[in-house]
């Protein structure tokens, strides 16, 4: 699927959440290191990246516009997580609205479920828990078992 954590290196929009409040320049620097190219705020030339803050357990939101071709989203999110030393949430390859991939600072990628509340400032994400295939959130949408990121034994 286009622009989701399925390993498809298709350019598109990447929307991530970071597990701490991080300065936008630091986020762009970590992403630039992962991509080995210029990452700039909206209105400039380069890979466009908007960084803003909301509440919740993942208060830094990152939108990468027209992500460069040839880079798998999950791989880049993992590299940014390692560079920042913070967990990064990214959409997974299912249509389940509570399911994400968690990129951890040690480079691990694993499926999780997250509670999300839409606010005037943007989505706030809380209560991250492993996708086990038996979590009640697994029944909210299709695909936990068919994902590239398989549920953990639960």
N, C-alpha and C. Protein backbone atom coordinates (compact mmCIF):
# COMPACT_ATOMS: atom_id res chain seq x y z
N UNK A 1 0.84 -1.18 0.00
CA UNK A 1 0.00 0.00 0.00
C UNK A 1 0.87 1.24 0.00
N UNK A 2 0.46 2.26 -0.63
CA UNK A 2 1.16 3.51 -0.80
C UNK A 2 1.31 4.26 0.52
N UNK A 3 2.55 4.59 0.86
CA UNK A 3 2.81 5.45 2.00
C UNK A 3 2.59 4.81 3.35
N UNK A 4 2.53 3.50 3.43
CA UNK A 4 2.37 2.84 4.71
C UNK A 4 3.58 1.96 4.97
N UNK A 5 3.71 1.50 6.19
CA UNK A 5 4.89 0.75 6.62
C UNK A 5 4.89 -0.67 6.10
N UNK A 6 4.82 -0.82 4.80
CA UNK A 6 4.81 -2.16 4.22
C UNK A 6 6.08 -2.45 3.45
N UNK A 7 7.05 -1.57 3.55
CA UNK A 7 8.28 -1.77 2.83
C UNK A 7 8.23 -1.26 1.39
N UNK A 8 7.11 -0.73 0.96
CA UNK A 8 6.98 -0.20 -0.40
C UNK A 8 7.72 1.12 -0.48
N UNK A 9 8.76 1.22 -1.28
CA UNK A 9 9.53 2.45 -1.36
C UNK A 9 8.91 3.49 -2.30
N UNK A 10 7.59 3.60 -2.30
CA UNK A 10 6.89 4.56 -3.15
C UNK A 10 6.87 5.92 -2.47
N UNK A 11 7.13 6.99 -3.22
CA UNK A 11 7.07 8.31 -2.60
C UNK A 11 5.64 8.66 -2.20
N UNK A 12 5.52 9.40 -1.13
CA UNK A 12 4.19 9.79 -0.66
C UNK A 12 4.31 10.58 0.63
N UNK A 13 3.25 10.57 1.40
CA UNK A 13 3.20 11.26 2.69
C UNK A 13 3.51 10.27 3.79
N UNK A 14 4.45 10.63 4.64
CA UNK A 14 4.72 9.85 5.84
C UNK A 14 4.23 10.69 7.02
N UNK A 15 3.45 10.09 7.91
CA UNK A 15 2.96 10.77 9.12
C UNK A 15 3.33 9.94 10.33
N UNK A 16 4.21 10.48 11.14
CA UNK A 16 4.73 9.77 12.31
C UNK A 16 4.42 10.55 13.58
N UNK A 17 4.53 9.85 14.71
CA UNK A 17 4.44 10.46 16.04
C UNK A 17 5.65 10.00 16.83
N UNK A 18 6.26 10.92 17.57
CA UNK A 18 7.46 10.60 18.34
C UNK A 18 7.11 10.65 19.82
N UNK A 19 7.67 9.70 20.58
CA UNK A 19 7.32 9.50 21.98
C UNK A 19 7.92 10.49 22.96
N UNK A 20 8.21 11.68 22.53
CA UNK A 20 8.67 12.75 23.42
C UNK A 20 8.56 14.05 22.65
N UNK A 21 8.61 15.14 23.35
CA UNK A 21 8.56 16.45 22.70
C UNK A 21 9.96 16.79 22.20
N UNK A 22 10.13 16.80 20.87
CA UNK A 22 11.45 16.98 20.25
C UNK A 22 11.44 18.26 19.41
N UNK A 23 12.53 18.99 19.46
CA UNK A 23 12.67 20.21 18.67
C UNK A 23 12.59 19.88 17.18
N UNK A 24 11.82 20.66 16.41
CA UNK A 24 11.68 20.39 14.97
C UNK A 24 13.01 20.30 14.21
N UNK A 25 13.98 21.15 14.53
CA UNK A 25 15.27 21.09 13.83
C UNK A 25 15.99 19.78 14.12
N UNK A 26 15.86 19.27 15.32
CA UNK A 26 16.49 17.99 15.67
C UNK A 26 15.83 16.85 14.90
N UNK A 27 14.50 16.90 14.77
CA UNK A 27 13.78 15.87 14.00
C UNK A 27 14.22 15.91 12.54
N UNK A 28 14.25 17.10 11.95
CA UNK A 28 14.67 17.23 10.55
C UNK A 28 16.11 16.77 10.36
N UNK A 29 16.96 17.04 11.33
CA UNK A 29 18.36 16.59 11.25
C UNK A 29 18.47 15.07 11.29
N UNK A 30 17.69 14.43 12.15
CA UNK A 30 17.71 12.96 12.22
C UNK A 30 17.18 12.35 10.92
N UNK A 31 16.13 12.96 10.36
CA UNK A 31 15.58 12.47 9.10
C UNK A 31 16.57 12.69 7.95
N UNK A 32 17.23 13.83 7.95
CA UNK A 32 18.24 14.11 6.92
C UNK A 32 19.37 13.09 6.98
N UNK A 33 19.76 12.71 8.18
CA UNK A 33 20.80 11.69 8.33
C UNK A 33 20.34 10.35 7.80
N UNK A 34 19.09 9.99 8.05
CA UNK A 34 18.56 8.70 7.59
C UNK A 34 18.43 8.68 6.07
N UNK A 35 18.04 9.81 5.48
CA UNK A 35 17.81 9.88 4.03
C UNK A 35 19.06 10.29 3.25
N UNK A 36 20.03 10.84 3.95
CA UNK A 36 21.24 11.37 3.33
C UNK A 36 20.91 12.42 2.28
N UNK A 37 20.02 13.32 2.65
CA UNK A 37 19.65 14.46 1.80
C UNK A 37 19.04 15.56 2.65
N UNK A 38 18.88 16.72 2.08
CA UNK A 38 18.37 17.88 2.78
C UNK A 38 16.90 17.69 3.17
N UNK A 39 16.58 17.99 4.42
CA UNK A 39 15.20 17.96 4.91
C UNK A 39 14.92 19.34 5.48
N UNK A 40 13.84 19.98 4.96
CA UNK A 40 13.59 21.38 5.29
C UNK A 40 12.15 21.60 5.71
N UNK A 41 11.87 22.74 6.39
CA UNK A 41 10.48 23.08 6.71
C UNK A 41 9.70 23.38 5.43
N UNK A 42 8.39 23.39 5.55
CA UNK A 42 7.54 23.74 4.42
C UNK A 42 7.93 25.10 3.87
N UNK A 43 7.87 25.24 2.55
CA UNK A 43 8.20 26.51 1.90
C UNK A 43 9.64 26.61 1.43
N UNK A 44 10.43 25.57 1.60
CA UNK A 44 11.82 25.56 1.18
C UNK A 44 12.04 24.47 0.12
N UNK A 45 13.26 24.37 -0.39
CA UNK A 45 13.62 23.35 -1.38
C UNK A 45 14.28 22.17 -0.66
N UNK A 46 13.85 20.97 -0.97
CA UNK A 46 14.38 19.75 -0.36
C UNK A 46 13.23 18.84 0.01
N UNK A 47 13.50 17.85 0.84
CA UNK A 47 12.43 16.99 1.37
C UNK A 47 11.66 17.83 2.39
N UNK A 48 10.37 18.05 2.15
CA UNK A 48 9.57 18.91 3.02
C UNK A 48 9.11 18.15 4.24
N UNK A 49 9.31 18.73 5.42
CA UNK A 49 8.98 18.07 6.68
C UNK A 49 8.37 19.09 7.63
N UNK A 50 7.13 18.83 8.05
CA UNK A 50 6.45 19.67 9.03
C UNK A 50 6.50 18.94 10.37
N UNK A 51 6.91 19.64 11.42
CA UNK A 51 6.99 19.07 12.76
C UNK A 51 6.20 19.98 13.69
N UNK A 52 5.28 19.40 14.46
CA UNK A 52 4.50 20.20 15.40
C UNK A 52 4.15 19.35 16.62
N UNK A 53 3.63 20.01 17.65
CA UNK A 53 3.42 19.34 18.92
C UNK A 53 1.95 19.30 19.32
N UNK A 54 1.57 18.20 19.95
CA UNK A 54 0.23 17.99 20.49
C UNK A 54 0.40 17.38 21.88
N UNK A 55 -0.70 16.95 22.49
CA UNK A 55 -0.64 16.25 23.77
C UNK A 55 -0.46 14.75 23.52
N UNK A 56 -0.68 13.98 24.57
CA UNK A 56 -0.61 12.52 24.45
C UNK A 56 0.77 11.97 24.74
N UNK A 57 0.90 10.66 24.56
CA UNK A 57 2.15 9.96 24.83
C UNK A 57 3.16 10.09 23.70
N UNK A 58 2.71 10.54 22.55
CA UNK A 58 3.57 10.75 21.38
C UNK A 58 3.32 12.17 20.87
N UNK A 59 3.88 13.17 21.60
CA UNK A 59 3.48 14.56 21.37
C UNK A 59 4.13 15.28 20.19
N UNK A 60 5.10 14.68 19.53
CA UNK A 60 5.72 15.32 18.37
C UNK A 60 5.20 14.65 17.11
N UNK A 61 4.50 15.41 16.27
CA UNK A 61 3.98 14.88 15.02
C UNK A 61 4.88 15.32 13.88
N UNK A 62 5.14 14.39 12.97
CA UNK A 62 6.04 14.63 11.85
C UNK A 62 5.32 14.25 10.57
N UNK A 63 5.23 15.18 9.64
CA UNK A 63 4.67 14.91 8.32
C UNK A 63 5.77 15.16 7.29
N UNK A 64 6.09 14.13 6.53
CA UNK A 64 7.08 14.24 5.46
C UNK A 64 6.30 14.21 4.15
N UNK A 65 6.38 15.29 3.40
CA UNK A 65 5.62 15.43 2.17
C UNK A 65 6.46 14.97 0.98
N UNK A 66 5.87 14.20 0.10
CA UNK A 66 6.53 13.65 -1.07
C UNK A 66 7.85 12.99 -0.65
N UNK A 67 7.69 11.98 0.21
CA UNK A 67 8.86 11.23 0.68
C UNK A 67 9.62 10.70 -0.53
N UNK A 68 10.93 10.71 -0.47
CA UNK A 68 11.73 10.31 -1.63
C UNK A 68 11.54 8.85 -2.01
N UNK A 69 11.54 8.59 -3.30
CA UNK A 69 11.43 7.21 -3.81
C UNK A 69 12.67 6.42 -3.42
N UNK A 70 12.48 5.13 -3.26
CA UNK A 70 13.60 4.25 -2.96
C UNK A 70 13.88 4.05 -1.50
N UNK A 71 13.08 4.65 -0.63
CA UNK A 71 13.26 4.51 0.81
C UNK A 71 12.01 3.89 1.42
N UNK A 72 12.16 2.77 2.11
CA UNK A 72 11.03 2.16 2.81
C UNK A 72 10.74 2.97 4.07
N UNK A 73 9.46 3.31 4.27
CA UNK A 73 9.07 4.16 5.38
C UNK A 73 9.49 3.58 6.72
N UNK A 74 9.23 2.30 6.94
CA UNK A 74 9.56 1.68 8.23
C UNK A 74 11.06 1.72 8.51
N UNK A 75 11.86 1.52 7.49
CA UNK A 75 13.31 1.57 7.65
C UNK A 75 13.76 2.98 8.04
N UNK A 76 13.19 3.99 7.40
CA UNK A 76 13.54 5.37 7.73
C UNK A 76 13.08 5.75 9.13
N UNK A 77 11.86 5.33 9.49
CA UNK A 77 11.36 5.62 10.84
C UNK A 77 12.24 4.96 11.89
N UNK A 78 12.69 3.75 11.62
CA UNK A 78 13.58 3.06 12.55
C UNK A 78 14.90 3.81 12.69
N UNK A 79 15.45 4.27 11.59
CA UNK A 79 16.71 5.02 11.62
C UNK A 79 16.55 6.33 12.38
N UNK A 80 15.43 7.00 12.20
CA UNK A 80 15.17 8.25 12.93
C UNK A 80 15.01 7.96 14.42
N UNK A 81 14.32 6.88 14.76
CA UNK A 81 14.14 6.49 16.16
C UNK A 81 15.50 6.26 16.83
N UNK A 82 16.38 5.54 16.14
CA UNK A 82 17.72 5.28 16.68
C UNK A 82 18.48 6.59 16.86
N UNK A 83 18.42 7.48 15.86
CA UNK A 83 19.16 8.75 15.93
C UNK A 83 18.65 9.65 17.05
N UNK A 84 17.32 9.65 17.27
CA UNK A 84 16.74 10.50 18.32
C UNK A 84 16.76 9.85 19.68
N UNK A 85 16.86 8.52 19.73
CA UNK A 85 16.75 7.82 21.01
C UNK A 85 15.34 7.83 21.55
N UNK A 86 14.37 7.93 20.65
CA UNK A 86 12.95 8.00 21.02
C UNK A 86 12.13 7.06 20.15
N UNK A 87 11.04 6.55 20.68
CA UNK A 87 10.14 5.69 19.92
C UNK A 87 9.39 6.52 18.88
N UNK A 88 9.14 5.90 17.73
CA UNK A 88 8.41 6.55 16.64
C UNK A 88 7.26 5.63 16.22
N UNK A 89 6.05 6.19 16.16
CA UNK A 89 4.88 5.46 15.67
C UNK A 89 4.64 5.83 14.22
N UNK A 90 4.34 4.82 13.39
CA UNK A 90 3.97 5.08 12.01
C UNK A 90 2.83 4.16 11.62
N UNK A 91 2.00 4.57 10.66
CA UNK A 91 0.88 3.71 10.23
C UNK A 91 1.40 2.39 9.70
N UNK A 92 0.62 1.34 9.92
CA UNK A 92 1.02 0.04 9.40
C UNK A 92 0.35 -0.22 8.06
N UNK A 93 0.38 -1.46 7.62
CA UNK A 93 -0.13 -1.82 6.30
C UNK A 93 -1.52 -2.46 6.36
N UNK A 94 -2.26 -2.22 7.44
CA UNK A 94 -3.64 -2.72 7.54
C UNK A 94 -4.59 -1.52 7.49
N UNK A 95 -5.85 -1.81 7.49
CA UNK A 95 -6.86 -0.74 7.56
C UNK A 95 -7.42 -0.60 8.97
N UNK A 96 -6.82 -1.26 9.94
CA UNK A 96 -7.26 -1.16 11.32
C UNK A 96 -6.84 0.22 11.85
N UNK A 97 -7.80 1.05 12.27
CA UNK A 97 -7.47 2.42 12.66
C UNK A 97 -6.66 2.54 13.95
N UNK A 98 -6.57 1.48 14.74
CA UNK A 98 -5.80 1.55 15.99
C UNK A 98 -4.43 0.92 15.86
N UNK A 99 -4.10 0.35 14.71
CA UNK A 99 -2.86 -0.42 14.57
C UNK A 99 -1.76 0.43 13.92
N UNK A 100 -0.60 0.38 14.54
CA UNK A 100 0.57 1.12 14.09
C UNK A 100 1.79 0.21 14.17
N UNK A 101 2.89 0.68 13.65
CA UNK A 101 4.18 0.04 13.84
C UNK A 101 4.96 0.96 14.78
N UNK A 102 5.57 0.36 15.78
CA UNK A 102 6.40 1.11 16.72
C UNK A 102 7.86 0.85 16.38
N UNK A 103 8.56 1.91 16.01
CA UNK A 103 10.01 1.85 15.80
C UNK A 103 10.65 2.24 17.12
N UNK A 104 11.44 1.33 17.66
CA UNK A 104 12.04 1.58 18.97
C UNK A 104 13.49 2.03 18.82
N UNK A 105 14.02 2.74 19.82
CA UNK A 105 15.37 3.30 19.73
C UNK A 105 16.48 2.26 19.51
N UNK A 106 16.19 0.99 19.73
CA UNK A 106 17.20 -0.04 19.45
C UNK A 106 17.09 -0.58 18.02
N UNK A 107 16.18 -0.01 17.22
CA UNK A 107 16.00 -0.41 15.83
C UNK A 107 14.88 -1.43 15.61
N UNK A 108 14.30 -1.93 16.69
CA UNK A 108 13.22 -2.91 16.58
C UNK A 108 11.96 -2.28 15.99
N UNK A 109 11.29 -3.02 15.12
CA UNK A 109 9.98 -2.64 14.58
C UNK A 109 8.97 -3.68 15.04
N UNK A 110 7.88 -3.23 15.68
CA UNK A 110 6.86 -4.18 16.11
C UNK A 110 5.47 -3.57 16.01
N UNK A 111 4.46 -4.43 15.78
CA UNK A 111 3.09 -3.92 15.67
C UNK A 111 2.51 -3.64 17.05
N UNK A 112 1.76 -2.56 17.12
CA UNK A 112 1.10 -2.16 18.38
C UNK A 112 -0.29 -1.63 18.07
N UNK A 113 -1.09 -1.51 19.12
CA UNK A 113 -2.36 -0.81 19.03
C UNK A 113 -2.25 0.44 19.90
N UNK A 114 -2.92 1.50 19.49
CA UNK A 114 -2.84 2.80 20.14
C UNK A 114 -4.24 3.41 20.20
N UNK A 115 -4.56 4.02 21.33
CA UNK A 115 -5.80 4.80 21.42
C UNK A 115 -5.51 6.18 20.86
N UNK A 116 -6.42 6.69 20.03
CA UNK A 116 -6.22 7.97 19.38
C UNK A 116 -7.44 8.85 19.57
N UNK A 117 -7.20 10.11 19.90
CA UNK A 117 -8.26 11.11 20.04
C UNK A 117 -7.89 12.28 19.14
N UNK A 118 -8.82 12.69 18.29
CA UNK A 118 -8.59 13.84 17.42
C UNK A 118 -8.86 15.11 18.22
N UNK A 119 -7.92 16.06 18.19
CA UNK A 119 -8.08 17.34 18.87
C UNK A 119 -7.94 18.47 17.85
N UNK A 120 -8.18 19.69 18.28
CA UNK A 120 -8.00 20.84 17.39
C UNK A 120 -6.55 20.99 16.94
N UNK A 121 -5.61 20.51 17.75
CA UNK A 121 -4.19 20.63 17.42
C UNK A 121 -3.68 19.47 16.58
N UNK A 122 -4.43 18.37 16.54
CA UNK A 122 -4.01 17.18 15.80
C UNK A 122 -4.29 15.94 16.63
N UNK A 123 -3.98 14.76 16.11
CA UNK A 123 -4.28 13.53 16.83
C UNK A 123 -3.35 13.32 18.03
N UNK A 124 -3.96 12.94 19.16
CA UNK A 124 -3.19 12.59 20.35
C UNK A 124 -3.25 11.08 20.50
N UNK A 125 -2.10 10.47 20.67
CA UNK A 125 -2.02 9.00 20.76
C UNK A 125 -1.54 8.60 22.13
N UNK A 126 -2.27 7.61 22.72
CA UNK A 126 -1.97 7.14 24.08
C UNK A 126 -2.17 5.63 24.16
N UNK A 127 -1.68 5.08 25.25
CA UNK A 127 -1.93 3.69 25.64
C UNK A 127 -1.46 2.72 24.56
N UNK A 128 -0.19 2.75 24.28
CA UNK A 128 0.42 1.83 23.32
C UNK A 128 0.49 0.45 23.96
N UNK A 129 0.07 -0.56 23.21
CA UNK A 129 0.13 -1.94 23.69
C UNK A 129 0.43 -2.86 22.52
N UNK A 130 1.08 -3.98 22.77
CA UNK A 130 1.45 -4.90 21.68
C UNK A 130 0.22 -5.42 20.94
N UNK A 131 0.36 -5.62 19.65
CA UNK A 131 -0.67 -6.29 18.87
C UNK A 131 -0.45 -7.78 19.06
N UNK A 132 -1.40 -8.44 19.69
CA UNK A 132 -1.27 -9.86 20.00
C UNK A 132 -2.17 -10.73 19.14
N UNK A 133 -3.06 -10.12 18.39
CA UNK A 133 -4.04 -10.88 17.63
C UNK A 133 -5.28 -11.18 18.44
N UNK A 134 -5.19 -11.05 19.76
CA UNK A 134 -6.35 -11.29 20.63
C UNK A 134 -6.79 -10.02 21.36
N UNK A 135 -6.02 -8.95 21.24
CA UNK A 135 -6.40 -7.66 21.83
C UNK A 135 -7.74 -7.26 21.23
N UNK A 136 -8.67 -6.73 22.03
CA UNK A 136 -9.95 -6.30 21.46
C UNK A 136 -9.80 -5.34 20.28
N UNK A 137 -8.73 -4.57 20.25
CA UNK A 137 -8.50 -3.65 19.13
C UNK A 137 -8.24 -4.40 17.83
N UNK A 138 -7.78 -5.64 17.93
CA UNK A 138 -7.52 -6.43 16.71
C UNK A 138 -8.82 -6.71 15.94
N UNK A 139 -9.94 -6.69 16.63
CA UNK A 139 -11.22 -6.97 15.96
C UNK A 139 -11.86 -5.72 15.39
N UNK A 140 -11.29 -4.54 15.63
CA UNK A 140 -11.88 -3.28 15.15
C UNK A 140 -11.75 -3.10 13.64
N UNK A 141 -10.77 -3.70 13.07
CA UNK A 141 -10.55 -3.53 11.64
C UNK A 141 -9.90 -4.77 11.07
N UNK A 142 -9.84 -4.86 9.79
CA UNK A 142 -9.27 -6.04 9.15
C UNK A 142 -7.74 -6.03 9.18
N UNK A 143 -7.18 -7.20 9.07
CA UNK A 143 -5.79 -7.27 8.67
C UNK A 143 -4.69 -7.52 9.66
N UNK A 144 -4.91 -7.57 10.97
CA UNK A 144 -3.77 -7.75 11.88
C UNK A 144 -2.98 -9.00 11.51
N UNK A 145 -3.68 -10.08 11.19
CA UNK A 145 -3.00 -11.32 10.84
C UNK A 145 -2.40 -11.33 9.46
N UNK A 146 -2.89 -10.45 8.57
CA UNK A 146 -2.38 -10.42 7.21
C UNK A 146 -1.29 -9.38 6.98
N UNK A 147 -0.93 -8.66 8.02
CA UNK A 147 0.08 -7.62 7.92
C UNK A 147 1.48 -8.19 7.73
N UNK A 148 2.34 -7.40 7.13
CA UNK A 148 3.76 -7.72 7.06
C UNK A 148 4.33 -7.82 8.48
N UNK A 149 3.77 -7.03 9.41
CA UNK A 149 4.18 -7.03 10.81
C UNK A 149 3.19 -7.91 11.58
N UNK A 150 3.55 -9.16 11.79
CA UNK A 150 2.65 -10.14 12.41
C UNK A 150 2.43 -9.84 13.88
N UNK A 151 1.21 -10.14 14.41
CA UNK A 151 0.97 -9.97 15.85
C UNK A 151 1.94 -10.81 16.67
N UNK A 152 2.28 -10.28 17.84
CA UNK A 152 3.13 -11.01 18.77
C UNK A 152 2.31 -12.10 19.42
N UNK A 153 2.95 -13.19 19.81
CA UNK A 153 2.24 -14.26 20.51
C UNK A 153 1.68 -13.68 21.81
N UNK A 154 0.41 -13.87 22.01
CA UNK A 154 -0.20 -13.25 23.19
C UNK A 154 -0.99 -14.23 23.91
